[in-house]
Protein backbone atom coordinates (compact mmCIF):
# COMPACT_ATOMS: atom_id res chain seq x y z
CA MET A 1 -1.13 -7.59 32.82
CA GLU A 2 2.40 -8.55 33.22
CA LYS A 3 4.53 -11.40 31.69
CA ARG A 4 4.11 -13.77 34.71
CA ASP A 5 0.30 -13.46 34.45
CA LEU A 6 0.52 -15.28 30.98
CA GLU A 7 3.21 -17.91 31.49
CA GLY A 8 0.46 -20.55 32.06
CA GLY A 9 -0.84 -19.68 28.62
CA LEU A 10 -4.51 -20.46 27.62
CA ASP A 11 -6.27 -23.80 27.27
CA VAL A 12 -7.09 -24.12 23.43
CA SER A 13 -7.57 -28.15 23.51
CA GLY A 14 -11.10 -27.62 21.66
CA LEU A 15 -9.29 -26.43 18.66
CA HIS A 16 -8.55 -29.56 17.29
CA GLU A 17 -11.48 -31.46 18.06
CA LYS A 18 -13.85 -32.92 15.50
CA SER A 19 -15.69 -30.44 13.64
CA SER A 20 -19.39 -29.81 14.45
CA GLY A 21 -21.28 -26.63 14.88
CA GLY A 22 -20.36 -26.61 18.29
CA GLU A 23 -16.80 -26.77 17.67
CA VAL A 24 -16.66 -24.58 15.03
CA LEU A 25 -18.30 -21.92 17.31
CA LEU A 26 -15.53 -22.71 19.97
CA ARG A 27 -12.77 -22.55 17.62
CA THR A 28 -14.01 -19.03 16.61
CA SER A 29 -14.05 -17.97 19.98
CA ILE A 30 -10.81 -19.20 20.88
CA VAL A 31 -9.24 -17.44 17.71
CA GLY A 32 -11.34 -14.17 18.64
CA LEU A 33 -9.97 -14.30 22.22
CA LEU A 34 -6.48 -14.67 21.24
CA THR A 35 -6.69 -11.68 18.82
CA ALA A 36 -8.37 -9.59 21.54
CA LEU A 37 -5.49 -10.62 24.00
CA MET A 38 -2.81 -9.69 21.22
CA ARG A 39 -4.19 -6.40 20.51
CA LYS A 40 -4.47 -5.42 24.27
CA VAL A 41 -1.10 -7.00 25.51
CA GLY A 42 0.59 -8.26 22.42
CA ALA A 43 3.83 -6.76 23.32
CA VAL A 44 3.82 -8.94 26.66
CA CYS A 45 2.61 -11.99 24.88
CA VAL A 46 5.20 -12.14 22.30
CA GLN A 47 7.81 -12.41 25.28
CA VAL A 48 6.02 -15.33 26.83
CA GLU A 49 7.57 -18.52 25.13
CA ARG A 50 4.47 -20.37 25.99
CA MET A 51 2.04 -17.97 24.61
CA ASN A 52 3.86 -17.20 21.73
CA ARG A 53 4.04 -21.23 20.56
CA MET A 54 0.24 -21.35 21.43
CA VAL A 55 -0.51 -18.61 19.00
CA ILE A 56 1.54 -19.96 16.16
CA ALA A 57 0.09 -23.23 16.77
CA VAL A 58 -3.58 -21.55 16.62
CA LEU A 59 -2.46 -19.53 13.45
CA GLN A 60 -1.07 -22.76 11.57
CA PHE A 61 -4.43 -24.53 12.23
CA SER A 62 -6.48 -21.42 11.54
CA LEU A 63 -4.82 -20.67 8.03
CA ASP A 64 -4.49 -24.36 6.89
CA MET A 65 -6.72 -24.71 4.05
CA SER A 66 -6.47 -28.20 3.60
CA LYS A 67 -9.29 -30.62 4.92
CA GLU A 68 -7.59 -31.28 8.10
CA GLY A 69 -7.04 -27.61 8.88
CA GLY A 70 -9.57 -24.96 9.91
CA GLY A 71 -9.05 -22.47 7.03
CA LEU A 72 -11.92 -23.13 5.28
CA TYR A 73 -14.00 -21.35 8.16
CA LEU A 74 -11.36 -19.70 10.16
CA VAL A 75 -9.27 -17.96 7.83
CA GLU A 76 -10.73 -14.61 8.18
CA GLU A 77 -10.36 -14.54 12.04
CA GLY A 78 -7.00 -16.20 11.59
CA CYS A 79 -5.70 -13.45 9.30
CA GLU A 80 -7.00 -11.00 12.28
CA LEU A 81 -4.90 -12.68 14.72
CA TRP A 82 -1.92 -13.02 12.30
CA SER A 83 -2.12 -8.95 11.86
CA ALA A 84 -2.48 -8.60 15.52
CA LEU A 85 0.83 -11.04 16.14
CA ILE A 86 3.00 -9.15 13.61
CA ALA A 87 1.88 -5.77 14.94
CA ALA A 88 2.99 -6.87 18.44
CA SER A 89 6.32 -8.11 17.15
CA THR A 90 9.43 -6.14 17.50
CA LYS A 91 11.61 -8.85 15.83
CA TYR A 92 11.37 -11.05 12.80
CA THR A 93 11.64 -14.20 14.25
CA LYS A 94 11.79 -17.71 12.71
CA GLU A 95 8.44 -18.61 13.90
CA VAL A 96 6.80 -15.42 12.16
CA ARG A 97 8.83 -15.99 9.02
CA MET A 98 7.50 -19.58 8.66
CA LEU A 99 3.98 -18.35 8.39
CA PHE A 100 4.23 -16.11 5.51
CA PRO A 101 4.07 -19.04 2.69
CA MET A 102 0.48 -19.59 4.04
CA THR A 103 -0.57 -16.30 2.02
CA GLU A 104 -0.19 -17.93 -1.08
CA ARG A 105 -1.84 -20.92 -0.05
CA ILE A 106 -4.87 -19.10 1.13
CA LEU A 107 -5.06 -16.92 -2.30
CA GLY A 108 -4.47 -19.90 -4.11
CA VAL A 109 -8.12 -21.12 -2.97
CA ASP A 110 -9.84 -17.79 -3.78
CA PHE A 111 -9.36 -14.00 -3.49
CA ASP A 112 -12.23 -13.66 -0.82
CA ASN A 113 -9.94 -12.80 1.95
CA LEU A 114 -7.48 -10.77 -0.38
CA ARG A 115 -7.70 -7.35 1.64
CA GLU A 116 -6.74 -9.51 5.22
CA VAL A 117 -4.05 -11.12 3.53
CA PHE A 118 -2.60 -8.07 1.83
CA ARG A 119 -2.76 -6.36 5.19
CA VAL A 120 -0.66 -9.19 6.77
CA MET A 121 1.77 -8.86 3.69
CA GLU A 122 2.23 -5.26 4.06
CA SER A 123 3.00 -5.85 7.91
CA TYR A 124 5.61 -8.44 7.03
CA ALA A 125 7.25 -6.00 4.58
CA LEU A 126 7.49 -3.35 7.27
CA LEU A 127 8.46 -5.99 10.05
CA GLY A 128 10.89 -7.96 8.00
CA GLY A 129 12.76 -5.31 6.15
CA ASP A 130 15.23 -6.24 3.63
CA GLU A 131 15.53 -9.78 5.16
CA PHE A 132 11.88 -10.50 4.15
CA MET A 133 12.46 -9.01 0.69
CA ASN A 134 15.51 -11.08 0.00
CA GLU A 135 13.75 -14.30 1.23
CA PHE A 136 10.01 -13.52 -0.24
CA GLY A 137 10.37 -10.49 -2.34
CA ASP A 138 9.91 -12.50 -5.49
CA ALA A 139 6.88 -14.35 -3.83
CA LEU A 140 5.33 -11.14 -3.11
CA LYS A 141 5.66 -9.65 -6.43
CA SER A 142 3.89 -12.81 -8.06
CA ILE A 143 1.10 -12.32 -5.81
CA LEU A 144 0.49 -8.65 -6.32
CA MET A 145 0.74 -9.30 -10.08
CA ARG A 146 -1.72 -11.91 -10.12
CA ALA A 147 -4.00 -10.03 -7.90
CA LEU A 148 -3.96 -7.02 -10.09
CA GLY A 149 -5.05 -8.98 -13.02
CA ALA A 150 -7.78 -11.00 -11.56
CA VAL A 151 -9.70 -8.88 -9.10
CA LYS A 152 -12.23 -6.09 -8.74
CA ASP A 153 -11.58 -2.36 -7.53
CA ARG A 154 -11.30 -3.51 -3.84
CA GLY A 155 -8.42 -5.80 -4.38
CA CYS A 156 -6.44 -3.25 -6.70
CA LEU A 157 -7.08 -0.56 -4.19
CA ALA A 158 -5.42 -2.87 -1.51
CA ALA A 159 -2.58 -3.85 -3.86
CA ALA A 160 -1.88 -0.19 -4.46
CA ASP A 161 -1.66 0.46 -0.61
CA ILE A 162 0.77 -2.34 -0.17
CA LEU A 163 2.82 -1.04 -3.10
CA ASN A 164 2.74 2.41 -2.09
CA SER A 165 3.82 1.33 1.51
CA MET A 166 6.79 -0.45 -0.16
CA LEU A 167 7.82 2.61 -2.13
CA ILE A 168 7.88 4.58 1.02
CA ARG A 169 9.98 1.66 3.23
CA PHE A 170 12.34 0.74 0.57
CA PRO A 171 13.07 4.24 -1.41
CA GLY A 172 16.60 2.71 -2.68
CA GLN A 173 15.08 -0.36 -4.22
CA GLY A 174 11.30 0.14 -4.63
CA VAL A 175 11.15 1.22 -8.28
CA ARG A 176 13.59 -1.44 -9.47
CA TYR A 177 11.64 -4.26 -7.59
CA MET A 178 8.30 -2.92 -8.53
CA ALA A 179 9.05 -2.04 -12.23
CA GLU A 180 7.41 -4.72 -13.78
CA ILE A 181 3.96 -4.06 -11.84
CA LEU A 182 4.45 -0.28 -12.58
CA ARG A 183 4.65 -0.84 -16.53
CA ASP A 184 1.62 -2.71 -16.15
CA MET A 185 -0.38 -0.17 -14.26
CA LEU A 186 0.96 2.32 -16.63
CA ALA A 187 -0.53 0.23 -19.59
CA LYS A 188 -3.64 0.01 -17.88
CA VAL A 189 -3.90 3.75 -17.19
CA PHE A 190 -3.05 4.48 -20.61
CA ALA A 191 -5.78 2.22 -22.00
CA LYS A 192 -8.27 3.24 -19.72
CA ARG A 193 -9.10 -0.39 -18.63
CA GLU A 194 -9.77 0.34 -15.04
CA SER A 195 -12.43 2.31 -13.20
CA GLN A 196 -12.01 5.93 -11.95
CA VAL A 197 -11.09 5.19 -8.49
CA VAL A 198 -8.49 2.46 -9.61
CA SER A 199 -7.22 4.62 -11.91
CA CYS A 200 -6.82 7.26 -9.57
CA ALA A 201 -4.96 5.10 -7.44
CA PHE A 202 -2.44 3.60 -10.05
CA VAL A 203 -1.72 7.28 -11.19
CA GLY A 204 -1.08 8.02 -7.31
CA LEU A 205 1.29 5.38 -7.04
CA LEU A 206 3.22 6.16 -10.39
CA ALA A 207 3.64 9.68 -9.18
CA ARG A 208 4.92 8.21 -5.88
CA ALA A 209 7.46 6.18 -7.83
CA VAL A 210 8.63 9.34 -10.03
CA LEU A 211 9.07 11.26 -6.88
CA THR A 212 10.97 8.28 -5.38
CA ASN A 213 13.38 7.68 -8.18
CA ILE A 214 12.78 9.45 -11.48
CA GLU A 215 15.90 8.10 -12.84
CA GLU A 216 15.00 4.51 -12.35
CA PHE A 217 11.50 5.30 -13.46
CA GLU A 218 12.09 6.67 -16.72
CA THR A 219 14.51 3.71 -17.40
CA LEU A 220 12.49 0.76 -16.27
CA VAL A 221 9.19 2.03 -16.51
CA LEU A 222 9.13 4.51 -19.13
CA GLU A 223 11.87 2.91 -20.90
CA ARG A 224 13.16 6.03 -22.05
CA ASP A 225 10.30 6.69 -24.31
CA GLU A 226 9.19 10.33 -24.63
CA SER A 227 5.88 9.72 -25.82
CA LYS A 228 4.97 7.35 -22.62
CA CYS A 229 6.31 10.60 -20.54
CA VAL A 230 3.81 12.80 -22.47
CA ASP A 231 1.11 10.50 -21.98
CA LEU A 232 1.84 10.17 -18.29
CA MET A 233 1.65 13.69 -17.93
CA ASP A 234 -1.85 13.81 -19.55
CA CYS A 235 -2.97 10.76 -17.25
CA LEU A 236 -1.84 12.77 -14.08
CA VAL A 237 -3.62 16.02 -15.28
CA GLU A 238 -6.98 14.18 -16.14
CA ASN A 239 -6.96 12.07 -13.34
CA LEU A 240 -6.32 14.94 -10.62
CA ASP A 241 -9.98 16.08 -10.23
CA ALA A 242 -11.19 12.52 -9.19
CA MET A 243 -8.33 12.00 -6.64
CA TYR A 244 -9.60 11.81 -3.06
CA GLY A 245 -7.47 13.58 -0.50
CA LEU A 246 -5.28 16.56 -0.60
CA ALA A 247 -2.04 14.49 -0.12
CA ILE A 248 -2.49 12.55 -3.32
CA ARG A 249 -3.21 15.81 -5.06
CA LYS A 250 -0.05 17.31 -3.76
CA ARG A 251 1.82 14.45 -4.68
CA THR A 252 0.43 14.41 -8.19
CA VAL A 253 1.32 17.87 -8.83
CA ALA A 254 4.91 17.56 -7.43
CA CYS A 255 5.18 14.74 -9.65
CA LEU A 256 4.24 16.76 -12.74
CA CYS A 257 6.52 19.94 -11.76
CA MET A 258 9.39 17.32 -11.77
CA VAL A 259 8.65 15.84 -14.95
CA MET A 260 7.98 19.07 -16.61
CA ARG A 261 11.16 20.45 -15.51
CA ARG A 262 13.35 17.29 -16.44
CA TYR A 263 11.97 16.95 -20.10
CA TRP A 264 11.50 20.90 -20.44
CA ALA A 265 13.51 20.74 -23.82
CA SER A 266 10.72 18.54 -25.23
CA GLU A 267 8.19 20.64 -27.08
CA ALA A 268 5.30 18.27 -26.54
CA ILE A 269 5.98 18.71 -22.72
CA ARG A 270 5.94 22.27 -23.04
CA MET A 271 2.88 22.32 -24.87
CA ARG A 272 1.10 21.09 -21.66
CA PHE A 273 2.23 23.97 -19.69
CA GLY A 274 -0.94 25.53 -19.37
CA ALA A 275 -2.84 22.55 -18.26
CA VAL A 276 -0.08 21.77 -15.67
CA ALA A 277 -0.08 25.46 -14.41
CA SER A 278 -3.85 25.30 -13.95
CA VAL A 279 -3.99 22.32 -11.80
CA ILE A 280 -1.02 23.79 -9.59
CA VAL A 281 -3.22 26.85 -8.78
CA GLN A 282 -6.29 24.55 -8.13
CA VAL A 283 -4.06 22.52 -5.67
CA VAL A 284 -2.34 25.36 -4.04
CA ARG A 285 -6.07 27.07 -3.43
CA GLN A 286 -7.32 23.63 -2.05
CA GLU A 287 -4.22 23.57 0.30
CA GLU A 288 -4.94 27.23 1.31
CA ASN A 289 -8.58 26.61 2.00
CA ALA A 290 -7.64 23.52 3.99
CA GLY A 291 -5.28 25.23 6.26
CA ASN A 292 -7.55 28.24 6.85
CA GLU A 293 -10.74 26.09 7.68
CA THR A 294 -9.14 23.01 9.43
CA GLY A 295 -5.37 23.78 10.11
CA LEU A 296 -4.55 20.75 7.59
CA ALA A 297 -1.36 22.27 6.26
CA GLY A 298 -0.17 23.07 9.95
CA ARG A 299 -0.59 19.50 10.89
CA GLU A 300 0.95 18.08 7.92
CA GLY A 301 4.27 20.30 8.74
CA ARG A 302 4.71 21.60 5.39
CA SER A 303 2.77 23.44 2.76
CA LEU A 304 2.31 22.55 -0.98
CA ARG A 305 4.91 25.12 -1.94
CA CYS A 306 7.70 24.01 0.49
CA TRP A 307 7.98 20.59 -1.44
CA LEU A 308 7.05 21.21 -4.75
CA PRO A 309 10.11 21.37 -7.39
CA SER A 310 11.38 25.08 -8.23
CA THR A 311 9.74 24.89 -11.44
CA GLY A 312 6.36 24.43 -9.47
CA ARG A 313 6.93 27.19 -6.93
CA ARG A 314 7.65 29.69 -9.80
CA LEU A 315 4.37 28.64 -11.64
CA ALA A 316 2.38 28.69 -8.60
CA ALA A 317 3.54 32.32 -7.61
CA GLY A 318 2.66 33.69 -11.19
CA LEU A 319 -0.43 31.95 -11.96
CA LYS A 320 -2.61 34.42 -10.18
CA GLU A 321 -1.98 36.84 -12.90
CA THR A 322 -4.88 37.44 -15.08
CA ALA A 323 -3.14 37.45 -18.21
CA LEU A 324 -1.52 33.96 -17.55
CA LEU A 325 -4.84 32.56 -16.40
CA ARG A 326 -6.47 33.75 -19.75
CA ALA A 327 -3.51 32.08 -21.64
CA VAL A 328 -4.23 28.75 -19.73
């Protein structure tokens, strides 16, 4: 499909008609059709001014949570269309930017569509970059803080996914921006207030933050408290067995090695050498098995030993010795 094929737009006149059973079905069908179109030829759609205006208008209606809008029954379909629009967009336009405040209004009603809204928020951060963060960074942080304190496991996991993406996308400012959230996560992990699956996600995110900028992490999150550093190491080790996926385990072990090397002068840290060494061997063996059986290490492009800090490489190299294993 080419640009000229979409110049005429689509007939969405039924969208604003009075609401009844038939109209609700029609509106749902219109939003679904636009979503399918955006997913198939979205790159072309966003270049056609009339199509772009129409999609924005449909979104404004579908995400409107007032009595006059369709958000009360179209919000899920609207979020799907919203995600498709952002995925197809190559520029952070004024029209796209002006839709973002609707995330707060949707979640202000309830958290039923939390995962869909979080997916949209993550896409905004990736598309808008620094411009988005400068304008909506505080609002985004407020939403995440509120959600982390009020939702169940699925919502917490969705929030952790967004924060993980933001640390990757904004390595220079991510830890500083998320310091308050990270401190809250740290306190919840220490207090064991979350389920095992959420604790693992939080610990994995904390490990990502350490690897992203350990100086800011120890200043803004650990607040230069050595006892918190020791407790963090214990949490990393305790949760590693329950972590799903080799990537998060590798990240956790790399974090342990970095912290151990940085705080080696601490007796409390040195006392945890055996536990850290044991989990390094565990993850190294897991990676070797995955590489031999499925080629996972090759697809990832680097093995665990390549990106562990030097402390970890030395530990991993020596741990197969029986005497050291007995000491562990």
